[in-house]
């Protein structure tokens, strides 16, 4: 099978050596694997299995986006020398909010202005709960005086924000009956977030003003064009 590979190589010189640096990014491999999983045929019809895959996809999508945004910032500032500013350590240790704020301080065009950004914010709301294994609770309420059944709500605020966003985007329907199968991380929902993530990434890479983004552009093209 023909595959596209991209190699990132940089160099610097010390008092005694010429040093070659090979850089291997993680996010292209995550995205290629998720693309293969989501677009392949033959996924078992088991609801439990598909919902479990949805959890894995959502968690890894957020990981890929964090890695991409970090790489764009570091590539813009990096000269491949071993003495790295403290910011680089902070970017690799801290979460989405810090990475987003750092990106917005580094570049003129803010992340919030890019295509599908609102989907990405909701992806991270969902991922933050999933990554900590937070149990999802729904309430099914009926008014005593009228017997009117109200729409199902998620107890946790982050889960509820995601629910309302998915309803707004027509990914799920508002409902008045709870179900352990009809969760906020179904395989179909994870596919929605995957396609939205690709739109967001493509928009960011295209609109970013850095002169050092060529390697990242090439690797994202590798994600799009490799066929499995």
N, C-alpha and C. Protein backbone atom coordinates (compact mmCIF):
# COMPACT_ATOMS: atom_id res chain seq x y z
N UNK A 1 0.84 -1.20 0.00
CA UNK A 1 0.00 0.00 0.00
C UNK A 1 0.88 1.25 0.00
N UNK A 2 0.61 2.19 -0.92
CA UNK A 2 1.36 3.43 -0.97
C UNK A 2 0.95 4.33 0.19
N UNK A 3 1.95 4.91 0.85
CA UNK A 3 1.69 5.82 1.95
C UNK A 3 2.54 7.08 1.78
N UNK A 4 2.01 8.20 2.31
CA UNK A 4 2.75 9.45 2.31
C UNK A 4 3.39 9.62 3.68
N UNK A 5 4.69 9.91 3.71
CA UNK A 5 5.38 10.19 4.96
C UNK A 5 5.97 11.60 4.88
N UNK A 6 6.07 12.25 6.04
CA UNK A 6 6.73 13.54 6.10
C UNK A 6 7.73 13.51 7.24
N UNK A 7 8.95 13.96 6.97
CA UNK A 7 10.01 13.95 7.98
C UNK A 7 10.35 15.38 8.35
N UNK A 8 10.32 15.67 9.66
CA UNK A 8 10.71 16.98 10.17
C UNK A 8 12.14 16.91 10.69
N UNK A 9 13.02 17.69 10.08
CA UNK A 9 14.42 17.68 10.48
C UNK A 9 14.89 19.12 10.68
N UNK A 10 15.61 19.35 11.77
CA UNK A 10 16.21 20.65 12.03
C UNK A 10 17.64 20.47 12.50
N UNK A 11 18.34 21.55 12.66
CA UNK A 11 19.74 21.43 13.09
C UNK A 11 20.18 22.67 13.85
N UNK A 12 21.20 22.49 14.66
CA UNK A 12 21.86 23.62 15.32
C UNK A 12 23.32 23.25 15.56
N UNK A 13 24.13 24.22 15.87
CA UNK A 13 25.56 24.02 16.06
C UNK A 13 25.97 24.45 17.47
N UNK A 14 26.72 23.60 18.15
CA UNK A 14 27.31 23.96 19.44
C UNK A 14 28.78 24.30 19.21
N UNK A 15 29.50 24.54 20.29
CA UNK A 15 30.94 24.82 20.17
C UNK A 15 31.71 23.63 19.62
N UNK A 16 31.13 22.43 19.79
CA UNK A 16 31.89 21.22 19.42
C UNK A 16 31.19 20.31 18.42
N UNK A 17 29.88 20.53 18.17
CA UNK A 17 29.15 19.58 17.34
C UNK A 17 28.15 20.28 16.42
N UNK A 18 27.89 19.64 15.29
CA UNK A 18 26.70 19.93 14.50
C UNK A 18 25.65 18.89 14.91
N UNK A 19 24.46 19.35 15.28
CA UNK A 19 23.43 18.47 15.82
C UNK A 19 22.22 18.46 14.89
N UNK A 20 21.76 17.27 14.51
CA UNK A 20 20.56 17.11 13.70
C UNK A 20 19.43 16.66 14.62
N UNK A 21 18.27 17.30 14.49
CA UNK A 21 17.12 16.98 15.33
C UNK A 21 15.99 16.45 14.45
N UNK A 22 15.49 15.25 14.78
CA UNK A 22 14.34 14.67 14.09
C UNK A 22 13.12 14.81 15.00
N UNK A 23 12.06 15.35 14.46
CA UNK A 23 10.85 15.61 15.24
C UNK A 23 9.71 14.69 14.77
N UNK A 24 9.13 13.96 15.69
CA UNK A 24 8.00 13.09 15.38
C UNK A 24 6.78 13.58 16.15
N UNK A 25 5.80 14.09 15.43
CA UNK A 25 4.58 14.58 16.07
C UNK A 25 3.62 13.42 16.31
N UNK A 26 2.81 13.53 17.35
CA UNK A 26 1.86 12.47 17.67
C UNK A 26 0.51 12.64 16.98
N UNK A 27 0.06 13.91 16.84
CA UNK A 27 -1.32 14.13 16.38
C UNK A 27 -1.62 13.59 14.99
N UNK A 28 -0.67 13.58 14.02
CA UNK A 28 -1.04 13.01 12.71
C UNK A 28 -1.41 11.53 12.80
N UNK A 29 -0.70 10.77 13.65
CA UNK A 29 -0.97 9.34 13.78
C UNK A 29 -2.31 9.10 14.48
N UNK A 30 -2.62 9.96 15.45
CA UNK A 30 -3.92 9.85 16.11
C UNK A 30 -5.03 10.09 15.10
N UNK A 31 -4.91 11.16 14.32
CA UNK A 31 -5.97 11.50 13.36
C UNK A 31 -6.11 10.46 12.25
N UNK A 32 -4.97 9.94 11.77
CA UNK A 32 -5.05 8.91 10.72
C UNK A 32 -5.74 7.64 11.24
N UNK A 33 -5.41 7.27 12.48
CA UNK A 33 -6.03 6.07 13.05
C UNK A 33 -7.52 6.26 13.29
N UNK A 34 -7.89 7.45 13.78
CA UNK A 34 -9.31 7.72 14.00
C UNK A 34 -10.07 7.77 12.68
N UNK A 35 -9.44 8.34 11.66
CA UNK A 35 -10.09 8.38 10.34
C UNK A 35 -10.34 6.96 9.82
N UNK A 36 -9.35 6.10 9.98
CA UNK A 36 -9.52 4.70 9.56
C UNK A 36 -10.66 4.04 10.34
N UNK A 37 -10.71 4.26 11.65
CA UNK A 37 -11.73 3.63 12.48
C UNK A 37 -13.13 4.12 12.13
N UNK A 38 -13.27 5.43 11.97
CA UNK A 38 -14.59 6.03 11.75
C UNK A 38 -15.14 5.72 10.36
N UNK A 39 -14.27 5.67 9.37
CA UNK A 39 -14.74 5.55 7.99
C UNK A 39 -14.71 4.12 7.45
N UNK A 40 -14.29 3.18 8.27
CA UNK A 40 -14.25 1.80 7.80
C UNK A 40 -15.64 1.18 7.90
N UNK A 41 -15.84 0.16 7.11
CA UNK A 41 -17.09 -0.60 7.21
C UNK A 41 -16.87 -1.80 8.12
N UNK A 42 -17.95 -2.34 8.62
CA UNK A 42 -17.83 -3.55 9.42
C UNK A 42 -17.69 -3.32 10.91
N UNK A 43 -17.97 -2.09 11.40
CA UNK A 43 -18.00 -1.87 12.84
C UNK A 43 -19.16 -2.69 13.42
N UNK A 44 -18.93 -3.51 14.44
CA UNK A 44 -20.03 -4.30 15.02
C UNK A 44 -21.20 -3.42 15.45
N UNK A 45 -22.39 -3.97 15.36
CA UNK A 45 -23.60 -3.18 15.65
C UNK A 45 -23.88 -3.05 17.14
N UNK A 46 -23.09 -3.68 17.98
CA UNK A 46 -23.30 -3.62 19.43
C UNK A 46 -23.30 -2.17 19.93
N UNK A 47 -24.39 -1.77 20.57
CA UNK A 47 -24.48 -0.40 21.11
C UNK A 47 -23.41 -0.16 22.16
N UNK A 48 -23.18 -1.14 23.03
CA UNK A 48 -22.17 -0.98 24.07
C UNK A 48 -20.78 -0.77 23.48
N UNK A 49 -20.46 -1.56 22.47
CA UNK A 49 -19.15 -1.44 21.82
C UNK A 49 -19.02 -0.08 21.13
N UNK A 50 -20.04 0.32 20.39
CA UNK A 50 -19.97 1.58 19.66
C UNK A 50 -19.88 2.78 20.62
N UNK A 51 -20.60 2.71 21.74
CA UNK A 51 -20.49 3.80 22.71
C UNK A 51 -19.10 3.84 23.35
N UNK A 52 -18.50 2.66 23.56
CA UNK A 52 -17.13 2.62 24.06
C UNK A 52 -16.15 3.21 23.08
N UNK A 53 -16.34 2.91 21.79
CA UNK A 53 -15.49 3.52 20.75
C UNK A 53 -15.67 5.03 20.72
N UNK A 54 -16.90 5.49 20.94
CA UNK A 54 -17.15 6.93 20.99
C UNK A 54 -16.33 7.61 22.07
N UNK A 55 -16.23 6.98 23.25
CA UNK A 55 -15.40 7.53 24.33
C UNK A 55 -13.94 7.64 23.90
N UNK A 56 -13.44 6.59 23.26
CA UNK A 56 -12.04 6.57 22.83
C UNK A 56 -11.79 7.64 21.78
N UNK A 57 -12.68 7.78 20.82
CA UNK A 57 -12.51 8.76 19.74
C UNK A 57 -12.51 10.18 20.29
N UNK A 58 -13.47 10.49 21.16
CA UNK A 58 -13.57 11.84 21.72
C UNK A 58 -12.33 12.20 22.52
N UNK A 59 -11.86 11.27 23.34
CA UNK A 59 -10.67 11.52 24.15
C UNK A 59 -9.45 11.77 23.28
N UNK A 60 -9.29 10.95 22.24
CA UNK A 60 -8.12 11.08 21.37
C UNK A 60 -8.20 12.28 20.44
N UNK A 61 -9.40 12.68 20.04
CA UNK A 61 -9.55 13.89 19.24
C UNK A 61 -9.03 15.11 20.00
N UNK A 62 -9.43 15.22 21.27
CA UNK A 62 -8.97 16.35 22.08
C UNK A 62 -7.45 16.32 22.24
N UNK A 63 -6.89 15.13 22.41
CA UNK A 63 -5.45 14.98 22.52
C UNK A 63 -4.75 15.48 21.24
N UNK A 64 -5.31 15.12 20.09
CA UNK A 64 -4.71 15.53 18.81
C UNK A 64 -4.76 17.04 18.64
N UNK A 65 -5.87 17.66 19.00
CA UNK A 65 -5.99 19.11 18.84
C UNK A 65 -5.04 19.84 19.78
N UNK A 66 -4.93 19.37 21.01
CA UNK A 66 -3.97 19.98 21.94
C UNK A 66 -2.55 19.88 21.39
N UNK A 67 -2.22 18.71 20.84
CA UNK A 67 -0.88 18.54 20.27
C UNK A 67 -0.63 19.44 19.08
N UNK A 68 -1.62 19.57 18.21
CA UNK A 68 -1.49 20.44 17.04
C UNK A 68 -1.26 21.89 17.44
N UNK A 69 -2.09 22.40 18.34
CA UNK A 69 -1.98 23.79 18.74
C UNK A 69 -0.64 24.05 19.41
N UNK A 70 -0.19 23.10 20.24
CA UNK A 70 1.12 23.23 20.88
C UNK A 70 2.22 23.26 19.84
N UNK A 71 2.13 22.38 18.83
CA UNK A 71 3.16 22.33 17.79
C UNK A 71 3.22 23.62 16.97
N UNK A 72 2.06 24.19 16.68
CA UNK A 72 2.06 25.44 15.91
C UNK A 72 2.79 26.54 16.69
N UNK A 73 2.52 26.63 17.99
CA UNK A 73 3.16 27.66 18.82
C UNK A 73 4.66 27.41 18.91
N UNK A 74 5.04 26.18 19.24
CA UNK A 74 6.46 25.88 19.45
C UNK A 74 7.25 26.01 18.15
N UNK A 75 6.69 25.54 17.04
CA UNK A 75 7.40 25.68 15.75
C UNK A 75 7.62 27.15 15.41
N UNK A 76 6.65 27.98 15.74
CA UNK A 76 6.76 29.41 15.46
C UNK A 76 7.89 30.05 16.27
N UNK A 77 8.09 29.58 17.50
CA UNK A 77 9.08 30.19 18.40
C UNK A 77 10.41 29.45 18.44
N UNK A 78 10.43 28.20 17.98
CA UNK A 78 11.58 27.32 18.20
C UNK A 78 12.68 27.55 17.17
N UNK A 79 13.92 27.38 17.62
CA UNK A 79 15.06 27.42 16.70
C UNK A 79 15.84 26.11 16.76
N UNK A 80 15.25 25.07 17.35
CA UNK A 80 15.82 23.73 17.49
C UNK A 80 16.97 23.67 18.49
N UNK A 81 17.35 24.77 19.11
CA UNK A 81 18.44 24.73 20.07
C UNK A 81 17.97 24.08 21.37
N UNK A 82 18.92 23.48 22.12
CA UNK A 82 18.51 22.75 23.32
C UNK A 82 17.98 23.62 24.45
N UNK A 83 18.37 24.90 24.49
CA UNK A 83 17.89 25.79 25.55
C UNK A 83 16.48 26.27 25.20
N UNK A 84 15.49 25.71 25.86
CA UNK A 84 14.10 26.04 25.56
C UNK A 84 13.54 26.98 26.61
N UNK A 85 12.70 27.93 26.18
CA UNK A 85 12.05 28.79 27.18
C UNK A 85 11.11 28.00 28.07
N UNK A 86 10.88 28.51 29.26
CA UNK A 86 9.99 27.85 30.22
C UNK A 86 8.60 27.62 29.63
N UNK A 87 8.20 28.50 28.72
CA UNK A 87 6.88 28.38 28.09
C UNK A 87 6.69 27.02 27.44
N UNK A 88 7.74 26.46 26.84
CA UNK A 88 7.61 25.17 26.16
C UNK A 88 7.23 24.07 27.15
N UNK A 89 7.86 24.08 28.33
CA UNK A 89 7.50 23.11 29.37
C UNK A 89 6.05 23.30 29.81
N UNK A 90 5.65 24.56 29.97
CA UNK A 90 4.28 24.85 30.39
C UNK A 90 3.27 24.36 29.36
N UNK A 91 3.58 24.56 28.09
CA UNK A 91 2.68 24.12 27.03
C UNK A 91 2.49 22.61 27.05
N UNK A 92 3.56 21.89 27.33
CA UNK A 92 3.49 20.43 27.32
C UNK A 92 2.87 19.86 28.58
N UNK A 93 2.84 20.64 29.65
CA UNK A 93 2.30 20.14 30.92
C UNK A 93 0.85 20.56 31.16
N UNK A 94 0.47 21.72 30.65
CA UNK A 94 -0.83 22.27 31.01
C UNK A 94 -1.88 21.98 29.94
N UNK A 95 -3.13 22.31 30.26
CA UNK A 95 -4.26 21.87 29.45
C UNK A 95 -4.70 22.82 28.36
N UNK A 96 -5.90 22.54 27.84
CA UNK A 96 -6.45 23.24 26.69
C UNK A 96 -6.55 24.74 26.91
N UNK A 97 -7.03 25.19 28.05
CA UNK A 97 -7.22 26.62 28.29
C UNK A 97 -5.90 27.37 28.17
N UNK A 98 -4.85 26.83 28.78
CA UNK A 98 -3.54 27.48 28.71
C UNK A 98 -3.02 27.50 27.28
N UNK A 99 -3.18 26.39 26.58
CA UNK A 99 -2.71 26.33 25.19
C UNK A 99 -3.47 27.33 24.32
N UNK A 100 -4.79 27.40 24.51
CA UNK A 100 -5.61 28.33 23.73
C UNK A 100 -5.20 29.78 24.02
N UNK A 101 -5.03 30.12 25.29
CA UNK A 101 -4.66 31.48 25.67
C UNK A 101 -3.27 31.84 25.12
N UNK A 102 -2.35 30.89 25.16
CA UNK A 102 -1.00 31.13 24.65
C UNK A 102 -1.03 31.34 23.13
N UNK A 103 -1.82 30.53 22.44
CA UNK A 103 -1.97 30.71 20.99
C UNK A 103 -2.49 32.11 20.68
N UNK A 104 -3.50 32.52 21.41
CA UNK A 104 -4.12 33.83 21.14
C UNK A 104 -3.18 34.99 21.46
N UNK A 105 -2.25 34.79 22.40
CA UNK A 105 -1.25 35.82 22.70
C UNK A 105 -0.13 35.83 21.67
N UNK A 106 0.07 34.69 21.01
CA UNK A 106 1.19 34.55 20.06
C UNK A 106 0.83 35.03 18.66
N UNK A 107 -0.44 34.83 18.27
CA UNK A 107 -0.86 35.14 16.91
C UNK A 107 -2.01 36.16 16.90
N UNK A 108 -2.09 36.90 15.82
CA UNK A 108 -3.12 37.95 15.71
C UNK A 108 -4.52 37.35 15.58
N UNK A 109 -4.65 36.34 14.73
CA UNK A 109 -5.98 35.74 14.49
C UNK A 109 -6.29 34.75 15.61
N UNK A 110 -7.34 35.01 16.34
CA UNK A 110 -7.68 34.24 17.52
C UNK A 110 -8.36 32.91 17.18
N UNK A 111 -8.14 31.90 18.01
CA UNK A 111 -8.72 30.58 17.75
C UNK A 111 -10.24 30.62 17.65
N UNK A 112 -10.85 31.51 18.45
CA UNK A 112 -12.31 31.60 18.46
C UNK A 112 -12.90 32.00 17.13
N UNK A 113 -12.09 32.55 16.22
CA UNK A 113 -12.59 33.03 14.93
C UNK A 113 -12.58 31.94 13.85
N UNK A 114 -12.03 30.78 14.16
CA UNK A 114 -11.88 29.74 13.14
C UNK A 114 -13.13 28.86 13.02
N UNK A 115 -13.25 28.25 11.87
CA UNK A 115 -14.39 27.38 11.57
C UNK A 115 -14.54 26.28 12.62
N UNK A 116 -15.78 26.04 13.03
CA UNK A 116 -16.14 24.94 13.94
C UNK A 116 -15.56 25.10 15.34
N UNK A 117 -15.15 26.30 15.71
CA UNK A 117 -14.56 26.49 17.04
C UNK A 117 -15.53 26.09 18.16
N UNK A 118 -16.81 26.42 18.01
CA UNK A 118 -17.76 26.11 19.07
C UNK A 118 -17.86 24.59 19.28
N UNK A 119 -17.73 23.83 18.22
CA UNK A 119 -17.71 22.37 18.36
C UNK A 119 -16.49 21.92 19.15
N UNK A 120 -15.38 22.58 18.93
CA UNK A 120 -14.16 22.20 19.65
C UNK A 120 -14.29 22.51 21.13
N UNK A 121 -14.90 23.64 21.47
CA UNK A 121 -15.12 23.96 22.89
C UNK A 121 -15.99 22.89 23.54
N UNK A 122 -17.01 22.44 22.84
CA UNK A 122 -17.87 21.40 23.39
C UNK A 122 -17.18 20.04 23.43
N UNK A 123 -16.31 19.78 22.47
CA UNK A 123 -15.50 18.57 22.51
C UNK A 123 -14.68 18.53 23.80
N UNK A 124 -14.08 19.66 24.16
CA UNK A 124 -13.25 19.69 25.36
C UNK A 124 -14.08 19.63 26.64
N UNK A 125 -15.28 20.20 26.63
CA UNK A 125 -16.16 20.04 27.78
C UNK A 125 -16.45 18.57 28.02
N UNK A 126 -16.76 17.86 26.93
CA UNK A 126 -17.06 16.45 27.02
C UNK A 126 -15.82 15.65 27.41
N UNK A 127 -14.70 15.94 26.77
CA UNK A 127 -13.46 15.21 27.07
C UNK A 127 -13.05 15.39 28.53
N UNK A 128 -13.19 16.60 29.06
CA UNK A 128 -12.75 16.84 30.44
C UNK A 128 -13.51 15.98 31.43
N UNK A 129 -14.77 15.74 31.18
CA UNK A 129 -15.53 14.83 32.04
C UNK A 129 -15.14 13.37 31.79
N UNK A 130 -15.02 13.01 30.52
CA UNK A 130 -14.70 11.63 30.17
C UNK A 130 -13.31 11.24 30.70
N UNK A 131 -12.34 12.13 30.56
CA UNK A 131 -10.97 11.82 30.95
C UNK A 131 -10.84 11.55 32.44
N UNK A 132 -11.76 12.11 33.22
CA UNK A 132 -11.75 11.89 34.67
C UNK A 132 -12.77 10.83 35.09
N UNK A 133 -13.34 10.15 34.12
CA UNK A 133 -14.27 9.07 34.41
C UNK A 133 -15.53 9.51 35.11
N UNK A 134 -15.99 10.73 34.81
CA UNK A 134 -17.15 11.29 35.51
C UNK A 134 -18.44 10.62 35.04
N UNK A 135 -19.12 9.97 35.97
CA UNK A 135 -20.39 9.31 35.65
C UNK A 135 -21.42 10.33 35.17
N UNK A 136 -22.15 9.94 34.13
CA UNK A 136 -23.18 10.82 33.58
C UNK A 136 -24.52 10.53 34.24
N UNK A 137 -25.16 11.56 34.78
CA UNK A 137 -26.47 11.42 35.41
C UNK A 137 -27.48 12.26 34.64
N UNK A 138 -28.64 11.65 34.37
CA UNK A 138 -29.76 12.35 33.72
C UNK A 138 -30.94 12.41 34.68
N UNK A 139 -31.70 13.48 34.57
CA UNK A 139 -32.94 13.55 35.34
C UNK A 139 -34.13 13.51 34.39
N UNK A 140 -35.15 12.81 34.83
CA UNK A 140 -36.41 12.67 34.11
C UNK A 140 -37.51 13.18 35.06
N UNK A 141 -38.00 14.38 34.86
CA UNK A 141 -38.91 15.00 35.83
C UNK A 141 -40.35 15.09 35.29
N UNK A 142 -41.29 14.87 36.20
CA UNK A 142 -42.71 15.00 35.85
C UNK A 142 -43.38 15.91 36.88
N UNK A 143 -44.05 16.94 36.40
CA UNK A 143 -44.71 17.87 37.31
C UNK A 143 -45.90 17.18 38.00
N UNK A 144 -45.95 17.31 39.30
CA UNK A 144 -46.99 16.65 40.09
C UNK A 144 -48.39 17.16 39.76
N UNK A 145 -48.49 18.46 39.53
CA UNK A 145 -49.82 19.05 39.34
C UNK A 145 -50.43 18.71 37.99
N UNK A 146 -49.57 18.54 36.97
CA UNK A 146 -50.10 18.38 35.61
C UNK A 146 -49.73 17.07 34.94
N UNK A 147 -48.81 16.32 35.55
CA UNK A 147 -48.26 15.10 34.96
C UNK A 147 -47.50 15.36 33.66
N UNK A 148 -47.13 16.61 33.41
CA UNK A 148 -46.33 16.94 32.22
C UNK A 148 -44.89 16.45 32.44
N UNK A 149 -44.39 15.68 31.49
CA UNK A 149 -43.01 15.19 31.57
C UNK A 149 -42.09 16.20 30.90
N UNK A 150 -41.08 16.65 31.64
CA UNK A 150 -40.14 17.63 31.11
C UNK A 150 -39.02 16.92 30.34
N UNK A 151 -38.31 17.68 29.55
CA UNK A 151 -37.22 17.12 28.75
C UNK A 151 -36.09 16.64 29.66
N UNK A 152 -35.43 15.59 29.21
CA UNK A 152 -34.31 15.03 29.97
C UNK A 152 -33.18 16.05 30.07
N UNK A 153 -32.56 16.11 31.25
CA UNK A 153 -31.44 17.02 31.48
C UNK A 153 -30.27 16.22 32.05
N UNK A 154 -29.06 16.66 31.71
CA UNK A 154 -27.87 16.13 32.36
C UNK A 154 -27.64 16.91 33.65
N UNK A 155 -27.31 16.21 34.74
CA UNK A 155 -27.12 16.88 36.03
C UNK A 155 -25.87 17.75 36.01
N UNK A 156 -24.79 17.23 35.47
CA UNK A 156 -23.54 18.00 35.41
C UNK A 156 -23.65 19.12 34.38
N UNK A 157 -23.14 20.28 34.71
CA UNK A 157 -23.26 21.45 33.83
C UNK A 157 -22.54 21.25 32.49
N UNK A 158 -21.35 20.64 32.52
CA UNK A 158 -20.61 20.43 31.27
C UNK A 158 -21.36 19.47 30.35
N UNK A 159 -21.85 18.38 30.92
CA UNK A 159 -22.62 17.44 30.11
C UNK A 159 -23.88 18.11 29.54
N UNK A 160 -24.52 18.94 30.35
CA UNK A 160 -25.74 19.60 29.88
C UNK A 160 -25.44 20.60 28.76
N UNK A 161 -24.32 21.32 28.86
CA UNK A 161 -23.94 22.24 27.78
C UNK A 161 -23.73 21.49 26.48
N UNK A 162 -23.06 20.34 26.58
CA UNK A 162 -22.83 19.52 25.38
C UNK A 162 -24.16 19.01 24.82
N UNK A 163 -25.06 18.56 25.70
CA UNK A 163 -26.37 18.09 25.26
C UNK A 163 -27.10 19.16 24.46
N UNK A 164 -27.15 20.37 25.01
CA UNK A 164 -27.87 21.47 24.34
C UNK A 164 -27.22 21.83 23.01
N UNK A 165 -25.89 21.77 22.95
CA UNK A 165 -25.19 22.08 21.70
C UNK A 165 -25.50 21.02 20.64
N UNK A 166 -25.48 19.76 21.02
CA UNK A 166 -25.76 18.68 20.07
C UNK A 166 -27.20 18.75 19.57
N UNK A 167 -28.12 19.14 20.43
CA UNK A 167 -29.51 19.34 20.00
C UNK A 167 -29.58 20.50 19.01
N UNK A 168 -28.89 21.58 19.33
CA UNK A 168 -28.87 22.76 18.45
C UNK A 168 -28.32 22.42 17.08
N UNK A 169 -27.33 21.52 17.02
CA UNK A 169 -26.70 21.12 15.76
C UNK A 169 -27.43 19.96 15.06
N UNK A 170 -28.57 19.54 15.64
CA UNK A 170 -29.37 18.44 15.08
C UNK A 170 -28.60 17.12 15.02
N UNK A 171 -27.67 16.97 15.94
CA UNK A 171 -26.94 15.70 16.04
C UNK A 171 -27.75 14.71 16.87
N UNK A 172 -28.41 15.21 17.91
CA UNK A 172 -29.32 14.40 18.71
C UNK A 172 -30.66 15.13 18.82
N UNK A 173 -31.68 14.41 19.26
CA UNK A 173 -32.99 15.01 19.46
C UNK A 173 -33.24 15.25 20.94
N UNK A 174 -33.97 16.30 21.24
CA UNK A 174 -34.46 16.50 22.59
C UNK A 174 -35.37 15.33 22.94
N UNK A 175 -35.33 14.87 24.18
CA UNK A 175 -36.11 13.68 24.53
C UNK A 175 -36.68 13.82 25.93
N UNK A 176 -37.70 13.02 26.22
CA UNK A 176 -38.29 13.03 27.55
C UNK A 176 -38.23 11.66 28.23
N UNK A 177 -37.46 10.74 27.62
CA UNK A 177 -37.26 9.41 28.21
C UNK A 177 -35.76 9.13 28.26
N UNK A 178 -35.27 8.80 29.45
CA UNK A 178 -33.84 8.51 29.61
C UNK A 178 -33.50 7.11 29.10
N UNK A 179 -32.24 6.95 28.70
CA UNK A 179 -31.79 5.65 28.22
C UNK A 179 -30.27 5.55 28.43
N UNK A 180 -29.81 4.40 28.93
CA UNK A 180 -28.38 4.17 29.09
C UNK A 180 -27.68 3.95 27.75
N UNK A 181 -28.45 3.66 26.72
CA UNK A 181 -27.87 3.44 25.39
C UNK A 181 -27.74 4.75 24.62
N UNK A 182 -28.64 5.67 24.88
CA UNK A 182 -28.70 6.94 24.14
C UNK A 182 -27.89 8.00 24.90
N UNK A 183 -26.56 7.86 24.83
CA UNK A 183 -25.66 8.69 25.65
C UNK A 183 -25.07 9.83 24.81
N UNK A 184 -24.24 10.65 25.43
CA UNK A 184 -23.66 11.82 24.76
C UNK A 184 -22.34 11.52 24.05
N UNK A 185 -21.96 10.24 24.00
CA UNK A 185 -20.72 9.87 23.33
C UNK A 185 -20.94 8.67 22.41
N UNK A 186 -22.10 8.61 21.78
CA UNK A 186 -22.35 7.54 20.82
C UNK A 186 -21.36 7.61 19.67
N UNK A 187 -21.26 6.53 18.92
CA UNK A 187 -20.36 6.50 17.77
C UNK A 187 -20.73 7.61 16.78
N UNK A 188 -22.02 7.85 16.60
CA UNK A 188 -22.47 8.90 15.69
C UNK A 188 -22.03 10.28 16.17
N UNK A 189 -22.13 10.52 17.48
CA UNK A 189 -21.68 11.81 18.03
C UNK A 189 -20.18 11.96 17.87
N UNK A 190 -19.44 10.89 18.09
CA UNK A 190 -17.97 10.97 17.93
C UNK A 190 -17.60 11.25 16.48
N UNK A 191 -18.38 10.72 15.52
CA UNK A 191 -18.13 11.02 14.11
C UNK A 191 -18.38 12.50 13.83
N UNK A 192 -19.43 13.05 14.41
CA UNK A 192 -19.70 14.48 14.26
C UNK A 192 -18.51 15.30 14.75
N UNK A 193 -17.99 14.99 15.93
CA UNK A 193 -16.87 15.74 16.47
C UNK A 193 -15.59 15.52 15.65
N UNK A 194 -15.44 14.35 15.06
CA UNK A 194 -14.27 14.11 14.21
C UNK A 194 -14.30 15.01 12.98
N UNK A 195 -15.44 15.06 12.30
CA UNK A 195 -15.54 15.88 11.09
C UNK A 195 -15.40 17.37 11.43
N UNK A 196 -15.97 17.79 12.56
CA UNK A 196 -15.82 19.17 13.00
C UNK A 196 -14.37 19.50 13.35
N UNK A 197 -13.67 18.53 13.92
CA UNK A 197 -12.26 18.74 14.26
C UNK A 197 -11.41 18.92 13.01
N UNK A 198 -11.68 18.12 11.97
CA UNK A 198 -10.95 18.29 10.72
C UNK A 198 -11.18 19.67 10.12
N UNK A 199 -12.43 20.15 10.16
CA UNK A 199 -12.72 21.49 9.64
C UNK A 199 -11.96 22.55 10.44
N UNK A 200 -11.95 22.40 11.75
CA UNK A 200 -11.26 23.35 12.62
C UNK A 200 -9.77 23.34 12.33
N UNK A 201 -9.17 22.18 12.28
CA UNK A 201 -7.72 22.07 12.06
C UNK A 201 -7.35 22.67 10.70
N UNK A 202 -8.11 22.32 9.67
CA UNK A 202 -7.83 22.85 8.34
C UNK A 202 -7.92 24.37 8.33
N UNK A 203 -8.92 24.90 9.00
CA UNK A 203 -9.11 26.35 9.08
C UNK A 203 -7.96 27.03 9.81
N UNK A 204 -7.52 26.43 10.92
CA UNK A 204 -6.42 27.02 11.70
C UNK A 204 -5.13 27.01 10.91
N UNK A 205 -4.81 25.87 10.30
CA UNK A 205 -3.55 25.77 9.55
C UNK A 205 -3.56 26.75 8.38
N UNK A 206 -4.68 26.85 7.70
CA UNK A 206 -4.76 27.78 6.56
C UNK A 206 -4.65 29.23 7.01
N UNK A 207 -5.28 29.58 8.13
CA UNK A 207 -5.33 30.98 8.54
C UNK A 207 -4.19 31.44 9.40
N UNK A 208 -3.40 30.52 9.95
CA UNK A 208 -2.29 30.91 10.82
C UNK A 208 -1.22 31.66 10.04
N UNK A 209 -0.69 32.72 10.66
CA UNK A 209 0.25 33.58 9.94
C UNK A 209 1.72 33.22 10.07
N UNK A 210 2.04 32.14 10.78
CA UNK A 210 3.44 31.78 10.99
C UNK A 210 4.10 31.37 9.68
N UNK A 211 5.35 31.76 9.53
CA UNK A 211 6.14 31.37 8.36
C UNK A 211 6.77 29.99 8.56
N UNK A 212 6.59 29.40 9.74
CA UNK A 212 7.23 28.12 10.06
C UNK A 212 6.23 26.96 10.15
N UNK A 213 5.09 27.12 9.52
CA UNK A 213 4.04 26.09 9.63
C UNK A 213 4.07 25.06 8.50
N UNK A 214 5.08 25.13 7.63
CA UNK A 214 5.10 24.27 6.44
C UNK A 214 5.07 22.79 6.83
N UNK A 215 5.87 22.41 7.83
CA UNK A 215 5.90 21.01 8.24
C UNK A 215 4.54 20.54 8.73
N UNK A 216 3.86 21.39 9.49
CA UNK A 216 2.55 21.05 10.00
C UNK A 216 1.54 20.93 8.86
N UNK A 217 1.61 21.84 7.90
CA UNK A 217 0.73 21.76 6.73
C UNK A 217 0.93 20.43 6.00
N UNK A 218 2.19 20.04 5.81
CA UNK A 218 2.49 18.81 5.08
C UNK A 218 1.97 17.59 5.84
N UNK A 219 2.11 17.62 7.15
CA UNK A 219 1.66 16.46 7.93
C UNK A 219 0.14 16.35 7.96
N UNK A 220 -0.54 17.47 7.95
CA UNK A 220 -2.00 17.41 7.90
C UNK A 220 -2.46 16.91 6.53
N UNK A 221 -1.76 17.29 5.48
CA UNK A 221 -2.08 16.75 4.15
C UNK A 221 -1.87 15.23 4.12
N UNK A 222 -0.86 14.78 4.86
CA UNK A 222 -0.62 13.34 4.98
C UNK A 222 -1.82 12.65 5.62
N UNK A 223 -2.40 13.30 6.65
CA UNK A 223 -3.59 12.76 7.31
C UNK A 223 -4.75 12.66 6.32
N UNK A 224 -4.95 13.71 5.53
CA UNK A 224 -6.09 13.77 4.62
C UNK A 224 -5.96 12.81 3.46
N UNK A 225 -4.74 12.60 2.97
CA UNK A 225 -4.59 11.91 1.69
C UNK A 225 -4.19 10.44 1.82
N UNK A 226 -3.68 10.02 2.97
CA UNK A 226 -3.39 8.59 3.12
C UNK A 226 -4.71 7.83 3.20
N UNK A 227 -4.82 6.77 2.40
CA UNK A 227 -6.07 6.00 2.33
C UNK A 227 -5.81 4.60 2.89
N UNK A 228 -6.70 4.20 3.79
CA UNK A 228 -6.57 2.86 4.40
C UNK A 228 -7.87 2.11 4.24
